[in-house]
N, C-alpha and C. Protein backbone atom coordinates (compact mmCIF):
# COMPACT_ATOMS: atom_id res chain seq x y z
N UNK A 1 4.06 3.99 -0.56
CA UNK A 1 4.01 3.52 -1.92
C UNK A 1 4.20 4.71 -2.83
N UNK A 2 5.09 4.58 -3.77
CA UNK A 2 5.34 5.67 -4.68
C UNK A 2 4.95 5.28 -6.10
N UNK A 3 4.14 6.08 -6.70
CA UNK A 3 3.70 5.81 -8.07
C UNK A 3 4.89 5.89 -9.02
N UNK A 4 5.74 6.86 -8.79
CA UNK A 4 6.91 7.05 -9.66
C UNK A 4 7.72 5.77 -9.79
N UNK A 5 8.10 5.20 -8.66
CA UNK A 5 8.93 4.01 -8.70
C UNK A 5 8.16 2.79 -9.18
N UNK A 6 6.87 2.76 -8.92
CA UNK A 6 6.06 1.65 -9.43
C UNK A 6 6.02 1.67 -10.95
N UNK A 7 5.86 2.85 -11.52
CA UNK A 7 5.84 2.95 -12.99
C UNK A 7 7.20 2.59 -13.58
N UNK A 8 8.27 3.02 -12.93
CA UNK A 8 9.60 2.65 -13.40
C UNK A 8 9.79 1.13 -13.36
N UNK A 9 9.32 0.49 -12.31
CA UNK A 9 9.45 -0.96 -12.20
C UNK A 9 8.70 -1.67 -13.33
N UNK A 10 7.51 -1.20 -13.63
CA UNK A 10 6.73 -1.81 -14.70
C UNK A 10 7.41 -1.58 -16.05
N UNK A 11 7.89 -0.36 -16.25
CA UNK A 11 8.55 -0.04 -17.52
C UNK A 11 9.89 -0.76 -17.67
N UNK A 12 10.48 -1.20 -16.57
CA UNK A 12 11.75 -1.93 -16.67
C UNK A 12 11.55 -3.27 -17.37
N UNK A 13 10.31 -3.74 -17.44
CA UNK A 13 10.01 -5.01 -18.10
C UNK A 13 9.83 -4.84 -19.61
N UNK A 14 9.12 -3.76 -19.99
CA UNK A 14 8.90 -3.49 -21.41
C UNK A 14 8.22 -2.13 -21.57
N UNK A 15 8.42 -1.49 -22.72
CA UNK A 15 7.72 -0.23 -22.96
C UNK A 15 6.21 -0.47 -23.01
N UNK A 16 5.46 0.48 -22.54
CA UNK A 16 4.01 0.36 -22.60
C UNK A 16 3.38 1.75 -22.57
N UNK A 17 2.10 1.82 -22.81
CA UNK A 17 1.36 3.08 -22.82
C UNK A 17 0.79 3.33 -21.43
N UNK A 18 0.26 4.52 -21.22
CA UNK A 18 -0.22 4.94 -19.91
C UNK A 18 -1.29 4.03 -19.33
N UNK A 19 -2.28 3.67 -20.13
CA UNK A 19 -3.34 2.82 -19.59
C UNK A 19 -2.80 1.42 -19.28
N UNK A 20 -1.83 0.98 -20.06
CA UNK A 20 -1.18 -0.31 -19.78
C UNK A 20 -0.44 -0.28 -18.45
N UNK A 21 0.17 0.86 -18.14
CA UNK A 21 0.84 1.02 -16.84
C UNK A 21 -0.17 0.96 -15.70
N UNK A 22 -1.29 1.66 -15.87
CA UNK A 22 -2.36 1.63 -14.86
C UNK A 22 -2.82 0.20 -14.64
N UNK A 23 -3.09 -0.50 -15.72
CA UNK A 23 -3.58 -1.89 -15.62
C UNK A 23 -2.55 -2.80 -14.99
N UNK A 24 -1.29 -2.68 -15.39
CA UNK A 24 -0.24 -3.53 -14.83
C UNK A 24 -0.05 -3.27 -13.34
N UNK A 25 -0.11 -1.99 -12.94
CA UNK A 25 0.03 -1.65 -11.52
C UNK A 25 -1.11 -2.28 -10.72
N UNK A 26 -2.33 -2.11 -11.19
CA UNK A 26 -3.48 -2.64 -10.47
C UNK A 26 -3.47 -4.16 -10.45
N UNK A 27 -3.01 -4.79 -11.52
CA UNK A 27 -2.91 -6.24 -11.54
C UNK A 27 -1.84 -6.72 -10.56
N UNK A 28 -0.70 -6.05 -10.55
CA UNK A 28 0.40 -6.44 -9.67
C UNK A 28 0.01 -6.29 -8.21
N UNK A 29 -0.76 -5.27 -7.88
CA UNK A 29 -1.18 -5.04 -6.49
C UNK A 29 -2.55 -5.66 -6.21
N UNK A 30 -2.98 -6.54 -7.09
CA UNK A 30 -4.26 -7.26 -6.94
C UNK A 30 -5.43 -6.30 -6.74
N UNK A 31 -5.37 -5.14 -7.37
CA UNK A 31 -6.46 -4.17 -7.31
C UNK A 31 -6.62 -3.48 -5.96
N UNK A 32 -5.66 -3.67 -5.07
CA UNK A 32 -5.76 -3.08 -3.73
C UNK A 32 -5.65 -1.57 -3.77
N UNK A 33 -4.80 -1.05 -4.64
CA UNK A 33 -4.60 0.39 -4.73
C UNK A 33 -4.95 0.83 -6.15
N UNK A 34 -6.18 1.29 -6.37
CA UNK A 34 -6.54 1.77 -7.71
C UNK A 34 -5.70 2.99 -8.07
N UNK A 35 -5.40 3.10 -9.33
CA UNK A 35 -4.56 4.18 -9.81
C UNK A 35 -5.31 4.96 -10.88
N UNK A 36 -5.37 6.27 -10.73
CA UNK A 36 -6.04 7.14 -11.68
C UNK A 36 -5.14 7.29 -12.91
N UNK A 37 -5.70 7.09 -14.10
CA UNK A 37 -4.90 7.18 -15.32
C UNK A 37 -4.33 8.59 -15.50
N UNK A 38 -5.04 9.61 -15.01
CA UNK A 38 -4.51 10.97 -15.07
C UNK A 38 -3.25 11.10 -14.24
N UNK A 39 -3.22 10.44 -13.09
CA UNK A 39 -2.02 10.44 -12.25
C UNK A 39 -0.86 9.74 -12.96
N UNK A 40 -1.17 8.70 -13.70
CA UNK A 40 -0.13 7.98 -14.45
C UNK A 40 0.52 8.93 -15.45
N UNK A 41 -0.30 9.65 -16.24
CA UNK A 41 0.27 10.54 -17.26
C UNK A 41 1.00 11.73 -16.64
N UNK A 42 0.48 12.23 -15.54
CA UNK A 42 1.17 13.33 -14.85
C UNK A 42 2.53 12.85 -14.35
N UNK A 43 2.57 11.65 -13.80
CA UNK A 43 3.84 11.09 -13.30
C UNK A 43 4.78 10.82 -14.46
N UNK A 44 4.27 10.30 -15.56
CA UNK A 44 5.12 10.05 -16.73
C UNK A 44 5.75 11.35 -17.24
N UNK A 45 4.97 12.43 -17.25
CA UNK A 45 5.53 13.72 -17.69
C UNK A 45 6.66 14.17 -16.78
N UNK A 46 6.51 13.97 -15.46
CA UNK A 46 7.59 14.33 -14.53
C UNK A 46 8.80 13.43 -14.72
N UNK A 47 8.55 12.14 -14.92
CA UNK A 47 9.66 11.21 -15.14
C UNK A 47 10.43 11.55 -16.42
N UNK A 48 9.69 11.95 -17.45
CA UNK A 48 10.34 12.35 -18.70
C UNK A 48 11.16 13.63 -18.48
N UNK A 49 10.58 14.59 -17.78
CA UNK A 49 11.28 15.82 -17.47
C UNK A 49 12.59 15.55 -16.74
N UNK A 50 12.56 14.55 -15.83
CA UNK A 50 13.73 14.22 -15.03
C UNK A 50 14.68 13.24 -15.73
N UNK A 51 14.35 12.86 -16.96
CA UNK A 51 15.24 11.99 -17.73
C UNK A 51 15.17 10.52 -17.34
N UNK A 52 14.12 10.11 -16.65
CA UNK A 52 14.02 8.72 -16.18
C UNK A 52 13.24 7.83 -17.15
N UNK A 53 12.41 8.45 -17.99
CA UNK A 53 11.71 7.73 -19.05
C UNK A 53 11.77 8.59 -20.31
N UNK A 54 11.47 7.94 -21.41
CA UNK A 54 11.35 8.66 -22.68
C UNK A 54 10.24 8.03 -23.48
N UNK A 55 9.72 8.79 -24.45
CA UNK A 55 8.67 8.21 -25.27
C UNK A 55 9.28 7.11 -26.12
N UNK A 56 8.49 6.07 -26.30
CA UNK A 56 8.92 4.94 -27.10
C UNK A 56 8.12 4.89 -28.38
N UNK A 57 8.17 3.77 -29.04
CA UNK A 57 7.41 3.64 -30.29
C UNK A 57 5.91 3.62 -30.03
N UNK A 58 5.16 3.98 -31.05
CA UNK A 58 3.70 3.91 -30.98
C UNK A 58 3.33 2.43 -31.12
N UNK A 59 2.40 1.95 -30.27
CA UNK A 59 2.04 0.53 -30.31
C UNK A 59 1.03 0.25 -31.42
N UNK A 60 0.60 -0.98 -31.51
CA UNK A 60 -0.32 -1.41 -32.57
C UNK A 60 -1.62 -0.63 -32.61
N UNK A 61 -2.04 -0.13 -31.44
CA UNK A 61 -3.30 0.62 -31.40
C UNK A 61 -3.06 2.12 -31.53
N UNK A 62 -1.89 2.49 -32.01
CA UNK A 62 -1.46 3.88 -32.24
C UNK A 62 -1.41 4.70 -30.95
N UNK A 63 -1.17 4.05 -29.83
CA UNK A 63 -0.99 4.78 -28.57
C UNK A 63 0.49 4.98 -28.33
N UNK A 64 0.81 6.12 -27.76
CA UNK A 64 2.20 6.44 -27.42
C UNK A 64 2.66 5.53 -26.29
N UNK A 65 3.82 4.94 -26.43
CA UNK A 65 4.38 4.14 -25.35
C UNK A 65 5.51 4.91 -24.68
N UNK A 66 5.89 4.41 -23.53
CA UNK A 66 6.97 5.00 -22.74
C UNK A 66 7.97 3.89 -22.43
N UNK A 67 9.23 4.27 -22.30
CA UNK A 67 10.26 3.31 -21.95
C UNK A 67 11.20 3.92 -20.92
N UNK A 68 11.77 3.06 -20.12
CA UNK A 68 12.67 3.51 -19.07
C UNK A 68 14.05 3.82 -19.67
N UNK A 69 14.72 4.83 -19.15
CA UNK A 69 16.08 5.16 -19.58
C UNK A 69 17.07 4.51 -18.60
N UNK A 70 18.36 4.60 -18.92
CA UNK A 70 19.36 4.08 -17.99
C UNK A 70 19.32 4.83 -16.66
N UNK A 71 19.08 6.13 -16.73
CA UNK A 71 18.95 6.90 -15.49
C UNK A 71 17.75 6.41 -14.69
N UNK A 72 16.69 6.03 -15.38
CA UNK A 72 15.51 5.47 -14.72
C UNK A 72 15.82 4.13 -14.07
N UNK A 73 16.60 3.29 -14.77
CA UNK A 73 17.01 2.00 -14.19
C UNK A 73 17.88 2.22 -12.95
N UNK A 74 18.75 3.20 -13.03
CA UNK A 74 19.61 3.51 -11.87
C UNK A 74 18.77 3.98 -10.68
N UNK A 75 17.80 4.85 -10.97
CA UNK A 75 16.92 5.35 -9.90
C UNK A 75 16.10 4.21 -9.30
N UNK A 76 15.60 3.32 -10.15
CA UNK A 76 14.83 2.18 -9.68
C UNK A 76 15.69 1.27 -8.81
N UNK A 77 16.93 1.02 -9.24
CA UNK A 77 17.86 0.21 -8.45
C UNK A 77 18.12 0.84 -7.09
N UNK A 78 18.24 2.16 -7.05
CA UNK A 78 18.43 2.87 -5.79
C UNK A 78 17.22 2.72 -4.88
N UNK A 79 16.03 2.79 -5.46
CA UNK A 79 14.80 2.64 -4.67
C UNK A 79 14.72 1.24 -4.08
N UNK A 80 15.00 0.22 -4.91
CA UNK A 80 14.97 -1.16 -4.41
C UNK A 80 16.01 -1.37 -3.31
N UNK A 81 17.14 -0.67 -3.40
CA UNK A 81 18.23 -0.86 -2.45
C UNK A 81 18.07 -0.13 -1.13
N UNK A 82 17.13 0.80 -1.05
CA UNK A 82 16.95 1.58 0.17
C UNK A 82 15.78 1.06 1.00
N UNK A 83 15.93 1.09 2.33
CA UNK A 83 14.78 0.71 3.16
C UNK A 83 13.70 1.79 3.06
N UNK A 84 12.48 1.38 3.31
CA UNK A 84 11.37 2.33 3.30
C UNK A 84 11.37 3.07 4.63
N UNK A 85 11.39 4.39 4.57
CA UNK A 85 11.41 5.20 5.78
C UNK A 85 10.06 5.15 6.47
N UNK A 86 10.08 4.99 7.77
CA UNK A 86 8.83 4.93 8.53
C UNK A 86 8.48 6.27 9.15
N UNK A 87 9.33 7.25 9.06
CA UNK A 87 9.07 8.55 9.67
C UNK A 87 8.70 9.54 8.60
N UNK A 88 7.86 10.48 8.83
CA UNK A 88 6.99 10.60 9.99
C UNK A 88 5.88 9.57 9.90
N UNK A 89 5.29 9.22 11.04
CA UNK A 89 4.22 8.22 10.99
C UNK A 89 3.02 8.75 10.22
N UNK A 90 2.38 7.83 9.54
CA UNK A 90 1.17 8.21 8.80
C UNK A 90 0.05 8.53 9.80
N UNK A 91 -0.91 9.28 9.36
CA UNK A 91 -2.05 9.57 10.22
C UNK A 91 -2.90 8.31 10.30
N UNK A 92 -2.94 7.77 11.46
CA UNK A 92 -3.68 6.54 11.70
C UNK A 92 -4.99 6.91 12.38
N UNK A 93 -6.09 6.74 11.66
CA UNK A 93 -7.39 7.16 12.20
C UNK A 93 -7.73 6.46 13.50
N UNK A 94 -7.40 5.17 13.59
CA UNK A 94 -7.70 4.45 14.83
C UNK A 94 -6.91 5.03 16.00
N UNK A 95 -5.62 5.27 15.80
CA UNK A 95 -4.81 5.83 16.88
C UNK A 95 -5.33 7.20 17.28
N UNK A 96 -5.67 8.02 16.31
CA UNK A 96 -6.19 9.36 16.61
C UNK A 96 -7.50 9.25 17.38
N UNK A 97 -8.39 8.35 16.95
CA UNK A 97 -9.67 8.17 17.63
C UNK A 97 -9.45 7.76 19.09
N UNK A 98 -8.56 6.80 19.32
CA UNK A 98 -8.30 6.33 20.68
C UNK A 98 -7.66 7.44 21.51
N UNK A 99 -6.68 8.12 20.97
CA UNK A 99 -6.01 9.20 21.71
C UNK A 99 -7.00 10.30 22.10
N UNK A 100 -7.86 10.67 21.18
CA UNK A 100 -8.83 11.72 21.47
C UNK A 100 -9.88 11.24 22.48
N UNK A 101 -10.30 10.00 22.38
CA UNK A 101 -11.26 9.47 23.34
C UNK A 101 -10.66 9.46 24.74
N UNK A 102 -9.38 9.11 24.84
CA UNK A 102 -8.72 9.10 26.14
C UNK A 102 -8.56 10.52 26.66
N UNK A 103 -8.13 11.41 25.78
CA UNK A 103 -7.83 12.79 26.20
C UNK A 103 -9.08 13.59 26.54
N UNK A 104 -10.15 13.37 25.82
CA UNK A 104 -11.34 14.20 26.02
C UNK A 104 -12.38 13.55 26.92
N UNK A 105 -12.26 12.27 27.14
CA UNK A 105 -13.22 11.55 27.97
C UNK A 105 -14.65 11.71 27.45
N UNK A 106 -14.79 11.85 26.13
CA UNK A 106 -16.10 12.05 25.51
C UNK A 106 -16.78 10.74 25.12
N UNK A 107 -16.01 9.66 25.06
CA UNK A 107 -16.58 8.40 24.60
C UNK A 107 -16.07 7.28 25.50
N UNK A 108 -16.79 6.18 25.50
CA UNK A 108 -16.36 5.02 26.26
C UNK A 108 -15.25 4.32 25.48
N UNK A 109 -14.04 4.48 25.95
CA UNK A 109 -12.89 3.93 25.24
C UNK A 109 -12.98 2.41 25.13
N UNK A 110 -13.54 1.76 26.14
CA UNK A 110 -13.68 0.29 26.09
C UNK A 110 -14.57 -0.13 24.93
N UNK A 111 -15.64 0.62 24.68
CA UNK A 111 -16.51 0.30 23.55
C UNK A 111 -15.77 0.48 22.22
N UNK A 112 -15.00 1.54 22.13
CA UNK A 112 -14.23 1.79 20.91
C UNK A 112 -13.26 0.63 20.66
N UNK A 113 -12.54 0.23 21.69
CA UNK A 113 -11.57 -0.86 21.55
C UNK A 113 -12.24 -2.18 21.20
N UNK A 114 -13.37 -2.46 21.83
CA UNK A 114 -14.09 -3.71 21.57
C UNK A 114 -14.63 -3.74 20.14
N UNK A 115 -15.22 -2.64 19.72
CA UNK A 115 -15.76 -2.55 18.36
C UNK A 115 -14.65 -2.74 17.33
N UNK A 116 -13.53 -2.09 17.57
CA UNK A 116 -12.41 -2.20 16.63
C UNK A 116 -11.84 -3.60 16.62
N UNK A 117 -11.68 -4.20 17.81
CA UNK A 117 -11.13 -5.55 17.89
C UNK A 117 -12.02 -6.53 17.10
N UNK A 118 -13.33 -6.41 17.25
CA UNK A 118 -14.25 -7.28 16.52
C UNK A 118 -14.07 -7.12 15.02
N UNK A 119 -14.03 -5.89 14.55
CA UNK A 119 -13.87 -5.62 13.12
C UNK A 119 -12.52 -6.13 12.61
N UNK A 120 -11.48 -5.94 13.40
CA UNK A 120 -10.15 -6.38 12.98
C UNK A 120 -10.05 -7.90 12.95
N UNK A 121 -10.65 -8.56 13.92
CA UNK A 121 -10.64 -10.02 13.92
C UNK A 121 -11.43 -10.57 12.73
N UNK A 122 -12.52 -9.92 12.38
CA UNK A 122 -13.28 -10.33 11.19
C UNK A 122 -12.44 -10.15 9.93
N UNK A 123 -11.68 -9.03 9.88
CA UNK A 123 -10.79 -8.79 8.74
C UNK A 123 -9.71 -9.87 8.66
N UNK A 124 -9.15 -10.25 9.80
CA UNK A 124 -8.13 -11.31 9.81
C UNK A 124 -8.72 -12.62 9.30
N UNK A 125 -9.93 -12.94 9.72
CA UNK A 125 -10.58 -14.17 9.26
C UNK A 125 -10.81 -14.15 7.75
N UNK A 126 -11.27 -13.00 7.25
CA UNK A 126 -11.50 -12.88 5.81
C UNK A 126 -10.18 -13.01 5.03
N UNK A 127 -9.16 -12.32 5.51
CA UNK A 127 -7.87 -12.39 4.85
C UNK A 127 -7.28 -13.80 4.90
N UNK A 128 -7.49 -14.49 6.01
CA UNK A 128 -7.00 -15.86 6.14
C UNK A 128 -7.70 -16.77 5.14
N UNK A 129 -8.99 -16.56 4.92
CA UNK A 129 -9.71 -17.33 3.89
C UNK A 129 -9.10 -17.08 2.51
N UNK A 130 -8.79 -15.80 2.21
CA UNK A 130 -8.16 -15.48 0.93
C UNK A 130 -6.79 -16.15 0.82
N UNK A 131 -6.06 -16.16 1.91
CA UNK A 131 -4.72 -16.77 1.91
C UNK A 131 -4.81 -18.26 1.61
N UNK A 132 -5.78 -18.94 2.23
CA UNK A 132 -5.94 -20.38 2.00
C UNK A 132 -6.28 -20.69 0.56
N UNK A 133 -7.04 -19.81 -0.09
CA UNK A 133 -7.46 -20.03 -1.47
C UNK A 133 -6.37 -19.67 -2.49
N UNK A 134 -5.40 -18.86 -2.07
CA UNK A 134 -4.39 -18.35 -3.01
C UNK A 134 -3.44 -19.46 -3.46
N UNK A 135 -3.15 -19.46 -4.73
CA UNK A 135 -2.17 -20.39 -5.30
C UNK A 135 -0.80 -19.71 -5.26
N UNK A 136 0.13 -20.21 -4.44
CA UNK A 136 1.41 -19.52 -4.29
C UNK A 136 2.23 -19.46 -5.58
N UNK A 137 1.98 -20.35 -6.51
CA UNK A 137 2.71 -20.30 -7.78
C UNK A 137 2.12 -19.29 -8.74
N UNK A 138 0.81 -19.29 -8.87
CA UNK A 138 0.15 -18.41 -9.84
C UNK A 138 -0.19 -17.04 -9.27
N UNK A 139 -0.31 -16.93 -7.94
CA UNK A 139 -0.77 -15.69 -7.33
C UNK A 139 0.17 -15.19 -6.24
N UNK A 140 1.46 -15.32 -6.45
CA UNK A 140 2.41 -14.93 -5.40
C UNK A 140 2.28 -13.47 -4.98
N UNK A 141 2.15 -12.49 -5.88
CA UNK A 141 1.97 -11.11 -5.42
C UNK A 141 0.75 -10.95 -4.52
N UNK A 142 -0.36 -11.58 -4.89
CA UNK A 142 -1.58 -11.50 -4.08
C UNK A 142 -1.35 -12.15 -2.72
N UNK A 143 -0.71 -13.31 -2.70
CA UNK A 143 -0.45 -14.00 -1.44
C UNK A 143 0.43 -13.16 -0.52
N UNK A 144 1.47 -12.56 -1.06
CA UNK A 144 2.35 -11.70 -0.25
C UNK A 144 1.59 -10.51 0.31
N UNK A 145 0.73 -9.92 -0.49
CA UNK A 145 -0.07 -8.79 -0.03
C UNK A 145 -1.02 -9.21 1.09
N UNK A 146 -1.69 -10.33 0.91
CA UNK A 146 -2.62 -10.82 1.93
C UNK A 146 -1.87 -11.09 3.23
N UNK A 147 -0.70 -11.71 3.14
CA UNK A 147 0.08 -11.98 4.35
C UNK A 147 0.50 -10.69 5.04
N UNK A 148 0.87 -9.67 4.28
CA UNK A 148 1.23 -8.38 4.88
C UNK A 148 0.02 -7.76 5.59
N UNK A 149 -1.13 -7.86 4.97
CA UNK A 149 -2.34 -7.31 5.58
C UNK A 149 -2.73 -8.06 6.85
N UNK A 150 -2.53 -9.37 6.85
CA UNK A 150 -2.81 -10.17 8.06
C UNK A 150 -1.89 -9.73 9.19
N UNK A 151 -0.61 -9.61 8.90
CA UNK A 151 0.35 -9.21 9.94
C UNK A 151 0.04 -7.82 10.48
N UNK A 152 -0.36 -6.90 9.61
CA UNK A 152 -0.71 -5.56 10.08
C UNK A 152 -1.96 -5.60 10.96
N UNK A 153 -2.92 -6.42 10.59
CA UNK A 153 -4.13 -6.54 11.40
C UNK A 153 -3.81 -7.19 12.75
N UNK A 154 -2.94 -8.18 12.75
CA UNK A 154 -2.54 -8.81 14.01
C UNK A 154 -1.81 -7.80 14.91
N UNK A 155 -1.00 -6.95 14.31
CA UNK A 155 -0.31 -5.90 15.09
C UNK A 155 -1.34 -4.93 15.68
N UNK A 156 -2.39 -4.64 14.93
CA UNK A 156 -3.44 -3.75 15.43
C UNK A 156 -4.11 -4.37 16.66
N UNK A 157 -4.38 -5.67 16.61
CA UNK A 157 -5.00 -6.35 17.76
C UNK A 157 -4.06 -6.28 18.97
N UNK A 158 -2.78 -6.47 18.75
CA UNK A 158 -1.82 -6.38 19.86
C UNK A 158 -1.82 -4.97 20.45
N UNK A 159 -1.91 -3.95 19.60
CA UNK A 159 -1.95 -2.57 20.09
C UNK A 159 -3.23 -2.33 20.90
N UNK A 160 -4.34 -2.88 20.42
CA UNK A 160 -5.59 -2.75 21.17
C UNK A 160 -5.46 -3.42 22.54
N UNK A 161 -4.77 -4.56 22.59
CA UNK A 161 -4.52 -5.22 23.88
C UNK A 161 -3.72 -4.32 24.80
N UNK A 162 -2.69 -3.66 24.27
CA UNK A 162 -1.88 -2.74 25.08
C UNK A 162 -2.72 -1.58 25.59
N UNK A 163 -3.58 -1.05 24.73
CA UNK A 163 -4.46 0.05 25.16
C UNK A 163 -5.32 -0.39 26.32
N UNK A 164 -5.91 -1.57 26.21
CA UNK A 164 -6.77 -2.07 27.28
C UNK A 164 -5.98 -2.28 28.57
N UNK A 165 -4.76 -2.78 28.45
CA UNK A 165 -3.94 -3.00 29.64
C UNK A 165 -3.62 -1.68 30.32
N UNK A 166 -3.27 -0.67 29.55
CA UNK A 166 -2.98 0.65 30.13
C UNK A 166 -4.22 1.24 30.78
N UNK A 167 -5.35 1.11 30.13
CA UNK A 167 -6.60 1.63 30.70
C UNK A 167 -6.99 0.90 31.98
N UNK A 168 -6.75 -0.41 32.02
CA UNK A 168 -7.07 -1.18 33.22
C UNK A 168 -6.19 -0.74 34.38
N UNK A 169 -4.90 -0.49 34.12
CA UNK A 169 -4.01 0.00 35.18
C UNK A 169 -4.44 1.39 35.66
N UNK A 170 -4.86 2.22 34.74
CA UNK A 170 -5.31 3.57 35.10
C UNK A 170 -6.57 3.52 35.96
N UNK A 171 -7.46 2.62 35.63
CA UNK A 171 -8.72 2.49 36.37
C UNK A 171 -8.47 1.98 37.79
N UNK A 172 -7.48 1.11 37.96
CA UNK A 172 -7.17 0.56 39.28
C UNK A 172 -6.59 1.60 40.24
N UNK A 173 -6.02 2.65 39.70
CA UNK A 173 -5.40 3.68 40.55
C UNK A 173 -6.38 4.54 41.23
């Protein structure tokens, strides 16, 4: 997730001030990723330096607004048009924990996998409840986010299954 492109996307709708950008970002992402207002202004300064935004008119509350430039629209279009790179992989605490437990033999890997599976299944159940309550017309961004989180949690369970299968084969040898 890039703050730069998120701010450009919001500004492509209308000029707004820094706190308005923070609020719009958090509303669009259903509050999943809080954004520091200081980070917003720092990013706006870089975007202005790079010619992607410019200061706009002062709004009714006398706050400075920002607006996207044509170069900013072009950059945003390029971002939307490119796939998100998956390399290098992010540091996944669960994967690191499992790898270290296997490598060091310091912990019962089966307990780690069982504990994680239980927590992940509970997360899937909670997310599924949110999905059922979501109104697809009024809350489409929230629904899409919940579905993405469910799929990621389901993938985690499948990975835990693979870990257990590998460990079971190792134990049989």
